Protein backbone atom coordinates (compact mmCIF):
# COMPACT_ATOMS: atom_id res chain seq x y z
CA MET A 1 23.28 222.98 -220.97
CA GLU A 2 20.18 224.02 -219.05
CA ILE A 3 20.05 223.78 -215.33
CA ILE A 4 16.49 222.64 -214.48
CA ASN A 5 16.87 223.17 -210.66
CA ASP A 6 19.81 225.18 -209.61
CA ARG A 7 18.61 225.65 -205.81
CA GLU A 8 20.48 223.71 -203.36
CA GLU A 9 17.88 223.66 -200.84
CA LYS A 10 18.16 220.90 -198.30
CA LEU A 11 15.07 218.91 -197.12
CA GLU A 12 14.33 220.00 -193.77
CA LEU A 13 12.67 217.50 -191.47
CA THR A 14 11.87 217.06 -187.96
CA TYR A 15 13.10 213.87 -186.50
CA PRO A 16 11.97 211.29 -185.50
CA CYS A 17 9.34 211.14 -188.41
CA SER A 18 7.71 208.75 -190.68
CA TRP A 19 9.30 208.08 -194.06
CA CYS A 20 7.77 206.18 -197.20
CA TYR A 21 10.08 204.40 -199.50
CA LYS A 22 8.53 203.13 -202.60
CA LEU A 23 10.14 199.76 -203.71
CA ILE A 24 10.03 197.91 -206.97
CA ALA A 25 10.91 194.42 -207.35
CA ASN A 26 10.00 191.24 -209.65
CA GLU A 27 7.97 189.49 -207.07
CA LYS A 28 6.18 190.20 -203.82
CA GLU A 29 7.66 187.45 -201.64
CA ALA A 30 11.23 188.41 -202.58
CA LEU A 31 10.51 192.19 -201.88
CA GLU A 32 9.03 191.25 -198.30
CA GLU A 33 12.24 189.16 -197.83
CA ALA A 34 14.43 192.19 -198.87
CA VAL A 35 12.65 194.39 -196.27
CA SER A 36 12.81 191.87 -193.64
CA ASP A 37 16.46 191.64 -194.15
CA VAL A 38 17.21 195.34 -194.19
CA ILE A 39 14.90 196.50 -191.31
CA ASP A 40 14.92 193.40 -189.06
CA LYS A 41 12.22 193.72 -186.63
CA ARG A 42 11.50 197.23 -186.68
CA GLU A 43 8.01 198.38 -186.90
CA HIS A 44 6.96 199.23 -190.31
CA LYS A 45 3.94 198.94 -192.80
CA LEU A 46 4.34 197.38 -196.15
CA THR A 47 1.50 197.99 -198.51
CA HIS A 48 0.82 197.06 -202.14
CA SER A 49 1.13 199.94 -204.47
CA LYS A 50 0.92 198.80 -208.23
CA SER A 51 1.75 195.82 -210.44
CA SER A 52 3.22 196.50 -214.06
CA LYS A 53 1.05 195.86 -216.84
CA GLY A 54 2.60 192.60 -217.67
CA GLY A 55 3.08 191.47 -214.29
CA LYS A 56 6.77 191.43 -214.57
CA TYR A 57 7.30 194.24 -211.52
CA ILE A 58 5.41 195.15 -208.29
CA SER A 59 5.79 198.19 -206.48
CA MET A 60 5.05 198.55 -202.64
CA ASN A 61 5.33 201.26 -200.12
CA LEU A 62 7.25 200.96 -197.17
CA ASP A 63 6.33 203.24 -194.10
CA ILE A 64 8.67 203.33 -191.49
CA LEU A 65 9.87 205.77 -188.47
CA VAL A 66 13.00 207.09 -189.19
CA HIS A 67 15.13 208.44 -186.34
CA ASN A 68 17.51 210.98 -188.18
CA GLU A 69 18.92 211.58 -191.54
CA ASP A 70 21.82 209.00 -191.19
CA ASP A 71 19.04 206.35 -190.41
CA ARG A 72 16.85 207.48 -193.36
CA ASN A 73 19.69 207.50 -195.85
CA PHE A 74 21.10 203.93 -194.39
CA ILE A 75 17.77 202.31 -194.95
CA TYR A 76 17.60 203.68 -198.50
CA GLU A 77 21.15 202.58 -199.48
CA ALA A 78 20.51 199.12 -197.92
CA LEU A 79 17.36 198.61 -199.79
CA LYS A 80 18.99 199.98 -203.02
CA ALA A 81 21.72 197.50 -202.56
CA HIS A 82 19.63 194.45 -202.01
CA GLN A 83 19.67 191.94 -204.64
CA HIS A 84 15.88 191.58 -204.65
CA ILE A 85 15.07 195.11 -205.21
CA LYS A 86 15.18 196.66 -208.56
CA MET A 87 14.65 200.34 -207.54
CA VAL A 88 14.12 202.50 -204.49
CA LEU A 89 12.37 206.04 -204.79
């Protein structure tokens, strides 16, 4: 078995900082609703990224200020667990 990246480097960020999540869902309205459910009234920017060739999927970028690593990971996990979101990158 070949190990591609055997380094155990930790991402070093200075908080608070802006973070971008790429979200993939079946439809724009459902994705917008999911973001609203997860981040409530926190200030953010949600912008269109791409749509799949057949129009089955849409991706959007969510830019938000995260306050610490726990905050960043909580948002990621909450978005990933939401029923309307297919994938979070």
